[in-house]
Amino acid sequence: MDYKEKTDPELVELCKRGNERAAAELVHRFERPVFSLIYRMVRDRELSEDLAQEAFVRAFNNIGRYDPSYKFSSWLFKVAYNLTIDHLRKKRLDTVSIHGSPTAVTSEMQQATAITPVATGELPDQALEAREIGSEIELAIGELREEYRTAIILRHVDGRAYEEISQIMDVPLGTVKTYIHRARKELQVHLQHLLT
């Protein structure tokens, strides 16, 4: 059986019957985006790896609760998001402060978030400028409230629909639109110097 050819719902059904190869294929498909979401929230590679692993364990332990009328990725992201928010609340981590952190923006983070603008055929000066702009955008996103930051990343970095963000964050659609609107306004203020 070729598990790579199976759809997400087919793999989930196999997982419900205890098929470990189906679970491994789902992990393979989603480990990077789950890690990336968590990393953007906690900004610590080792912690992100631990939380991502825990998110998959929770998801597979509760696979029977998955509602197939929703996308599996949305449900999995919701599990990861809730786990990470719970962790942040328990530990009271200051994930929005960038002051005093020499590693607030690293090459690892830029690779994980993939928002550094890069055009093909750039000259070295243009590539450097694009990386600097990408770093400034990262820093500005890092200063947003958790809810705004998550909504803006899911929408503009991951390209998720408003309805899917609503499912992941477990908030009404109107709240998602408000978060994104306010996040854009705050980013405009933070990045005003780039627009002039």
Protein backbone atom coordinates (compact mmCIF):
# COMPACT_ATOMS: atom_id res chain seq x y z
CA MET A 1 0.00 0.00 0.00
CA ASP A 2 1.39 3.39 -1.01
CA TYR A 3 0.57 5.75 1.86
CA LYS A 4 1.85 8.77 -0.06
CA GLU A 5 -1.04 8.39 -2.50
CA LYS A 6 -3.66 8.40 0.28
CA THR A 7 -5.68 11.51 1.09
CA ASP A 8 -5.56 12.99 4.59
CA PRO A 9 -9.04 11.62 5.48
CA GLU A 10 -8.03 8.14 4.28
CA LEU A 11 -4.89 8.27 6.43
CA VAL A 12 -6.91 9.44 9.43
CA GLU A 13 -9.28 6.50 9.05
CA LEU A 14 -6.29 4.14 8.97
CA CYS A 15 -4.87 5.88 12.07
CA LYS A 16 -8.13 5.30 13.92
CA ARG A 17 -7.54 1.58 13.33
CA GLY A 18 -4.01 1.83 14.75
CA ASN A 19 -2.07 1.94 11.49
CA GLU A 20 1.35 3.35 12.41
CA ARG A 21 2.50 3.85 8.81
CA ALA A 22 -0.52 6.07 8.15
CA ALA A 23 0.36 8.10 11.26
CA ALA A 24 3.97 8.38 10.09
CA GLU A 25 2.79 9.70 6.71
CA LEU A 26 0.62 12.35 8.40
CA VAL A 27 3.58 13.41 10.55
CA HIS A 28 5.73 13.61 7.43
CA ARG A 29 3.15 15.82 5.69
CA PHE A 30 2.57 18.22 8.54
CA GLU A 31 5.64 18.23 10.81
CA ARG A 32 7.23 21.26 9.13
CA PRO A 33 4.13 23.53 9.09
CA VAL A 34 3.24 22.56 12.68
CA PHE A 35 6.80 23.26 13.84
CA SER A 36 6.81 26.53 11.91
CA LEU A 37 3.56 27.74 13.52
CA ILE A 38 4.81 26.90 17.01
CA TYR A 39 8.27 28.38 16.36
CA ARG A 40 6.75 31.69 15.33
CA MET A 41 4.86 31.77 18.61
CA VAL A 42 7.61 30.76 21.06
CA ARG A 43 10.80 31.67 19.14
CA ASP A 44 12.80 28.83 20.64
CA ARG A 45 13.86 25.94 18.42
CA GLU A 46 14.23 23.24 21.08
CA LEU A 47 10.96 24.18 22.79
CA SER A 48 9.21 24.27 19.40
CA GLU A 49 10.41 20.76 18.60
CA ASP A 50 9.13 19.50 21.97
CA LEU A 51 5.76 21.21 21.57
CA ALA A 52 5.38 20.00 17.99
CA GLN A 53 6.06 16.44 19.09
CA GLU A 54 3.55 16.82 21.92
CA ALA A 55 0.99 18.27 19.48
CA PHE A 56 1.23 15.16 17.29
CA VAL A 57 0.96 12.87 20.33
CA ARG A 58 -2.16 14.73 21.48
CA ALA A 59 -3.64 14.67 18.00
CA PHE A 60 -3.14 10.92 17.58
CA ASN A 61 -4.37 10.19 21.11
CA ASN A 62 -7.55 12.13 20.30
CA ILE A 63 -7.92 11.13 16.64
CA GLY A 64 -11.35 9.69 17.41
CA ARG A 65 -12.60 13.23 18.12
CA TYR A 66 -11.57 14.52 14.72
CA ASP A 67 -14.58 15.68 12.70
CA PRO A 68 -13.96 14.74 9.04
CA SER A 69 -16.21 17.58 7.87
CA TYR A 70 -13.22 19.85 8.61
CA LYS A 71 -9.79 19.75 7.00
CA PHE A 72 -7.39 17.56 8.99
CA SER A 73 -4.71 20.27 8.78
CA SER A 74 -7.06 22.80 10.41
CA TRP A 75 -7.80 20.41 13.26
CA LEU A 76 -4.12 19.57 13.73
CA PHE A 77 -3.15 23.26 13.69
CA LYS A 78 -5.84 23.92 16.29
CA VAL A 79 -4.35 21.23 18.54
CA ALA A 80 -0.86 22.75 18.10
CA TYR A 81 -2.14 26.32 18.60
CA ASN A 82 -4.05 25.45 21.80
CA LEU A 83 -1.11 23.49 23.21
CA THR A 84 1.27 26.39 22.54
CA ILE A 85 -1.08 29.03 23.97
CA ASP A 86 -1.51 26.89 27.10
CA HIS A 87 2.25 26.59 27.43
CA LEU A 88 2.76 30.35 27.01
CA ARG A 89 0.13 31.12 29.60
CA LYS A 90 1.60 28.66 32.09
CA LYS A 91 5.16 29.82 31.65
CA ARG A 92 4.20 33.49 31.18
CA LEU A 93 6.77 33.80 28.43
CA ASP A 94 7.21 37.25 27.01
CA THR A 95 7.04 36.29 23.34
CA VAL A 96 6.34 39.80 22.11
CA SER A 97 9.36 41.53 23.63
CA ILE A 98 12.39 41.63 21.39
CA HIS A 99 14.51 43.82 23.66
CA GLY A 100 17.51 42.18 25.23
CA SER A 101 17.31 39.14 22.95
CA PRO A 102 20.34 38.92 20.67
CA THR A 103 18.72 36.01 18.81
CA ALA A 104 15.30 37.56 18.24
CA VAL A 105 15.75 37.09 14.51
CA THR A 106 17.98 34.27 13.37
CA SER A 107 18.56 32.55 10.09
CA GLU A 108 16.66 29.57 11.54
CA MET A 109 13.63 31.76 12.17
CA GLN A 110 13.79 33.27 8.71
CA GLN A 111 13.93 29.79 7.23
CA ALA A 112 11.03 28.61 9.39
CA THR A 113 8.82 31.59 8.67
CA ALA A 114 9.72 32.01 5.00
CA ILE A 115 8.62 35.63 4.77
CA THR A 116 11.91 37.14 3.69
CA PRO A 117 11.19 38.63 0.27
CA VAL A 118 13.54 37.18 -2.32
CA ALA A 119 13.26 37.68 -6.05
CA THR A 120 15.06 35.52 -8.56
CA GLY A 121 18.05 37.10 -10.27
CA GLU A 122 18.66 39.65 -7.52
CA LEU A 123 21.92 41.49 -7.22
CA PRO A 124 23.78 40.99 -3.90
CA ASP A 125 22.77 44.45 -2.64
CA GLN A 126 19.13 43.76 -3.44
CA ALA A 127 19.27 40.37 -1.71
CA LEU A 128 20.80 41.95 1.39
CA GLU A 129 18.16 44.70 1.41
CA ALA A 130 15.39 42.09 1.00
CA ARG A 131 16.76 40.12 3.99
CA GLU A 132 16.94 43.29 6.09
CA ILE A 133 13.34 44.17 5.19
CA GLY A 134 12.30 40.60 6.03
CA SER A 135 14.02 40.89 9.41
CA GLU A 136 12.24 44.16 10.14
CA ILE A 137 8.91 42.58 9.23
CA GLU A 138 9.71 39.63 11.55
CA LEU A 139 10.50 41.99 14.40
CA ALA A 140 7.30 43.96 13.83
CA ILE A 141 5.22 40.76 13.77
CA GLY A 142 6.99 39.68 16.97
CA GLU A 143 5.71 42.79 18.73
CA LEU A 144 2.06 42.01 18.01
CA ARG A 145 -0.25 40.46 20.62
CA GLU A 146 -0.35 36.64 20.44
CA GLU A 147 -3.80 36.61 18.82
CA TYR A 148 -2.94 39.23 16.21
CA ARG A 149 0.41 37.60 15.45
CA THR A 150 -1.11 34.16 14.98
CA ALA A 151 -3.93 35.45 12.78
CA ILE A 152 -1.62 37.51 10.56
CA ILE A 153 0.85 34.63 10.16
CA LEU A 154 -1.87 32.11 9.33
CA ARG A 155 -3.38 34.50 6.78
CA HIS A 156 -0.37 36.14 5.12
CA VAL A 157 2.46 33.66 5.64
CA ASP A 158 0.57 30.36 5.45
CA GLY A 159 -2.13 31.69 3.10
CA ARG A 160 -5.01 30.19 5.06
CA ALA A 161 -8.62 31.26 4.51
CA TYR A 162 -10.43 33.30 7.16
CA GLU A 163 -12.79 30.38 7.86
CA GLU A 164 -9.87 28.03 8.49
CA ILE A 165 -8.18 30.54 10.80
CA SER A 166 -11.46 30.77 12.69
CA GLN A 167 -11.41 26.99 13.17
CA ILE A 168 -7.74 26.88 14.18
CA MET A 169 -8.01 29.73 16.69
CA ASP A 170 -11.50 28.67 17.82
CA VAL A 171 -12.92 32.19 17.53
CA PRO A 172 -15.77 33.59 15.42
CA LEU A 173 -15.04 34.65 11.84
CA GLY A 174 -15.67 38.31 12.71
CA THR A 175 -13.04 38.11 15.46
CA VAL A 176 -10.47 36.76 12.99
CA LYS A 177 -11.18 39.66 10.64
CA THR A 178 -10.83 42.10 13.54
CA TYR A 179 -7.51 40.54 14.63
CA ILE A 180 -6.12 40.76 11.10
CA HIS A 181 -7.38 44.32 10.59
CA ARG A 182 -5.81 45.48 13.87
CA ALA A 183 -2.60 43.58 13.20
CA ARG A 184 -2.26 45.26 9.80
CA LYS A 185 -2.81 48.68 11.39
CA GLU A 186 -0.14 48.02 14.02
CA LEU A 187 2.29 46.68 11.41
CA GLN A 188 1.71 49.80 9.31
CA VAL A 189 2.78 51.93 12.27
CA HIS A 190 5.83 49.75 13.02
CA LEU A 191 6.91 49.64 9.38
CA GLN A 192 6.05 53.20 8.38
CA HIS A 193 9.72 53.99 7.74
CA LEU A 194 9.84 51.29 5.04
CA LEU A 195 6.85 52.80 3.23
CA THR A 196 8.32 56.30 2.82
